[in-house]
Each structure stands twice: as C-alpha cells, then as structure tokens.
Amino acid sequence: MQLLEDKLFEEIKEFQAAQNGEELADILEVVFALGEKLGHTNENLLELRRKKAEKRGGFSLGLFLESVDDASTNNTPRGNKAS
C-alpha cells in the first residue's frame, strides 16, 4: 500500500509540472489501484464521489472549504477560490 501512496504523490508532482489529461489519468489509475486494495471497485469509487459531491458539492466551480470553525464559536465555514 505504501508503494502505491508514494506513486500517487509522484504522479501528482508530474501532473503539477505537465498539467495535462495523461497525468490526470495516471493519478486515477493509482487511485483506482488504492481503492482496489481497500475493496472498492472503480465504479464504487465513482459512485462514492458522485454521492459526496451531491451531498457536499464538488470542485467544478473552483471553490473549496478551507476550514470550519469550532461549534463553540460561530461555526462559520471559511472558503477559498482555487486558482
């Protein structure tokens, strides 16, 4: 499992340098292999992603949640726009 995790970070670095679909496909390949090790099929992972995006939103707008304040304070989410 550690080798796959290391490979994932390697592929992410390659994507950061190349910024292309081929490197994204390599990342997916490693993610699917990690999922398989955890007992998930590719289809299952994609369905989990879909359900999570449906419930919490996705990243297609370039927005992401940076943090959520503790419930004892004002519980206001703080976000950021991805570049």
C-alpha atoms as a PDB file:
ATOM      1  CA  MET A   1       0.000   0.000   0.000  1.00  0.00           C
ATOM      2  CA  GLN A   2       2.844   2.408   0.838  1.00  0.00           C
ATOM      3  CA  LEU A   3       4.312   1.970  -2.644  1.00  0.00           C
ATOM      4  CA  LEU A   4       1.004   2.988  -4.194  1.00  0.00           C
ATOM      5  CA  GLU A   5       0.771   6.001  -1.902  1.00  0.00           C
ATOM      6  CA  ASP A   6       4.297   7.023  -2.898  1.00  0.00           C
ATOM      7  CA  LYS A   7       3.360   6.529  -6.569  1.00  0.00           C
ATOM      8  CA  LEU A   8       0.315   8.755  -6.087  1.00  0.00           C
ATOM      9  CA  PHE A   9       2.479  11.612  -4.821  1.00  0.00           C
ATOM     10  CA  GLU A  10       4.875  11.064  -7.722  1.00  0.00           C
ATOM     11  CA  GLU A  11       2.038  11.237 -10.230  1.00  0.00           C
ATOM     12  CA  ILE A  12       0.657  14.376  -8.583  1.00  0.00           C
ATOM     13  CA  LYS A  13       4.046  16.055  -8.961  1.00  0.00           C
ATOM     14  CA  GLU A  14       4.134  15.014 -12.614  1.00  0.00           C
ATOM     15  CA  PHE A  15       0.663  16.478 -13.120  1.00  0.00           C
ATOM     16  CA  GLN A  16       1.711  19.728 -11.467  1.00  0.00           C
ATOM     17  CA  ALA A  17       4.580  20.001 -13.943  1.00  0.00           C
ATOM     18  CA  ALA A  18       2.721  18.909 -17.096  1.00  0.00           C
ATOM     19  CA  GLN A  19      -0.883  19.990 -16.401  1.00  0.00           C
ATOM     20  CA  ASN A  20      -2.398  17.506 -18.852  1.00  0.00           C
ATOM     21  CA  GLY A  21      -5.003  14.772 -19.081  1.00  0.00           C
ATOM     22  CA  GLU A  22      -2.470  11.972 -19.389  1.00  0.00           C
ATOM     23  CA  GLU A  23      -1.054  12.768 -15.961  1.00  0.00           C
ATOM     24  CA  LEU A  24      -4.576  13.017 -14.527  1.00  0.00           C
ATOM     25  CA  ALA A  25      -5.286   9.576 -15.978  1.00  0.00           C
ATOM     26  CA  ASP A  26      -2.158   8.271 -14.246  1.00  0.00           C
ATOM     27  CA  ILE A  27      -3.426   9.707 -10.955  1.00  0.00           C
ATOM     28  CA  LEU A  28      -6.770   7.978 -11.487  1.00  0.00           C
ATOM     29  CA  GLU A  29      -5.008   4.705 -12.221  1.00  0.00           C
ATOM     30  CA  VAL A  30      -3.177   4.876  -8.896  1.00  0.00           C
ATOM     31  CA  VAL A  31      -6.342   5.952  -7.034  1.00  0.00           C
ATOM     32  CA  PHE A  32      -8.234   3.015  -8.542  1.00  0.00           C
ATOM     33  CA  ALA A  33      -5.416   0.649  -7.509  1.00  0.00           C
ATOM     34  CA  LEU A  34      -5.546   2.022  -3.958  1.00  0.00           C
ATOM     35  CA  GLY A  35      -9.314   1.617  -3.964  1.00  0.00           C
ATOM     36  CA  GLU A  36      -8.979  -1.983  -5.092  1.00  0.00           C
ATOM     37  CA  LYS A  37      -6.609  -2.638  -2.169  1.00  0.00           C
ATOM     38  CA  LEU A  38      -9.332  -1.280   0.119  1.00  0.00           C
ATOM     39  CA  GLY A  39     -12.011  -3.453  -1.502  1.00  0.00           C
ATOM     40  CA  HIS A  40     -13.584  -0.849  -3.805  1.00  0.00           C
ATOM     41  CA  THR A  41     -14.280  -1.232  -7.499  1.00  0.00           C
ATOM     42  CA  ASN A  42     -13.690   1.687  -9.859  1.00  0.00           C
ATOM     43  CA  GLU A  43     -17.453   2.024 -10.251  1.00  0.00           C
ATOM     44  CA  ASN A  44     -17.922   2.033  -6.477  1.00  0.00           C
ATOM     45  CA  LEU A  45     -15.355   4.822  -6.045  1.00  0.00           C
ATOM     46  CA  LEU A  46     -17.021   6.881  -8.767  1.00  0.00           C
ATOM     47  CA  GLU A  47     -20.409   6.380  -7.119  1.00  0.00           C
ATOM     48  CA  LEU A  48     -18.986   7.411  -3.740  1.00  0.00           C
ATOM     49  CA  ARG A  49     -17.550  10.517  -5.406  1.00  0.00           C
ATOM     50  CA  ARG A  50     -20.895  11.304  -7.027  1.00  0.00           C
ATOM     51  CA  LYS A  51     -22.811  10.920  -3.755  1.00  0.00           C
ATOM     52  CA  LYS A  52     -20.314  13.032  -1.846  1.00  0.00           C
ATOM     53  CA  ALA A  53     -20.450  15.781  -4.496  1.00  0.00           C
ATOM     54  CA  GLU A  54     -24.242  15.637  -4.435  1.00  0.00           C
ATOM     55  CA  LYS A  55     -24.287  15.981  -0.645  1.00  0.00           C
ATOM     56  CA  ARG A  56     -21.439  18.450  -0.131  1.00  0.00           C
ATOM     57  CA  GLY A  57     -20.806  19.905  -3.568  1.00  0.00           C
ATOM     58  CA  GLY A  58     -17.901  19.352  -5.905  1.00  0.00           C
ATOM     59  CA  PHE A  59     -14.941  21.382  -7.034  1.00  0.00           C
ATOM     60  CA  SER A  60     -16.147  22.294 -10.539  1.00  0.00           C
ATOM     61  CA  LEU A  61     -16.594  25.955  -9.573  1.00  0.00           C
ATOM     62  CA  GLY A  62     -13.071  26.145  -8.176  1.00  0.00           C
ATOM     63  CA  LEU A  63     -14.334  26.666  -4.634  1.00  0.00           C
ATOM     64  CA  PHE A  64     -13.279  24.613  -1.651  1.00  0.00           C
ATOM     65  CA  LEU A  65     -13.799  24.648   2.099  1.00  0.00           C
ATOM     66  CA  GLU A  66     -10.643  25.710   3.888  1.00  0.00           C
ATOM     67  CA  SER A  67     -11.843  25.073   7.422  1.00  0.00           C
ATOM     68  CA  VAL A  68     -14.840  25.064   9.719  1.00  0.00           C
ATOM     69  CA  ASP A  69     -14.697  26.962  12.978  1.00  0.00           C
ATOM     70  CA  ASP A  70     -15.345  25.034  16.174  1.00  0.00           C
ATOM     71  CA  ALA A  71     -19.052  24.684  17.068  1.00  0.00           C
ATOM     72  CA  SER A  72     -18.443  26.593  20.311  1.00  0.00           C
ATOM     73  CA  THR A  73     -17.587  29.704  18.300  1.00  0.00           C
ATOM     74  CA  ASN A  74     -19.675  30.923  15.379  1.00  0.00           C
ATOM     75  CA  ASN A  75     -19.498  27.740  13.219  1.00  0.00           C
ATOM     76  CA  THR A  76     -18.867  29.820  10.104  1.00  0.00           C
ATOM     77  CA  PRO A  77     -17.212  27.969   7.214  1.00  0.00           C
ATOM     78  CA  ARG A  78     -14.330  29.782   5.568  1.00  0.00           C
ATOM     79  CA  GLY A  79     -13.688  29.083   1.937  1.00  0.00           C
ATOM     80  CA  ASN A  80     -11.267  29.941  -0.787  1.00  0.00           C
ATOM     81  CA  LYS A  81     -11.348  30.016  -4.572  1.00  0.00           C
ATOM     82  CA  ALA A  82      -8.924  27.598  -6.200  1.00  0.00           C
ATOM     83  CA  SER A  83      -6.688  29.073  -8.853  1.00  0.00           C
END
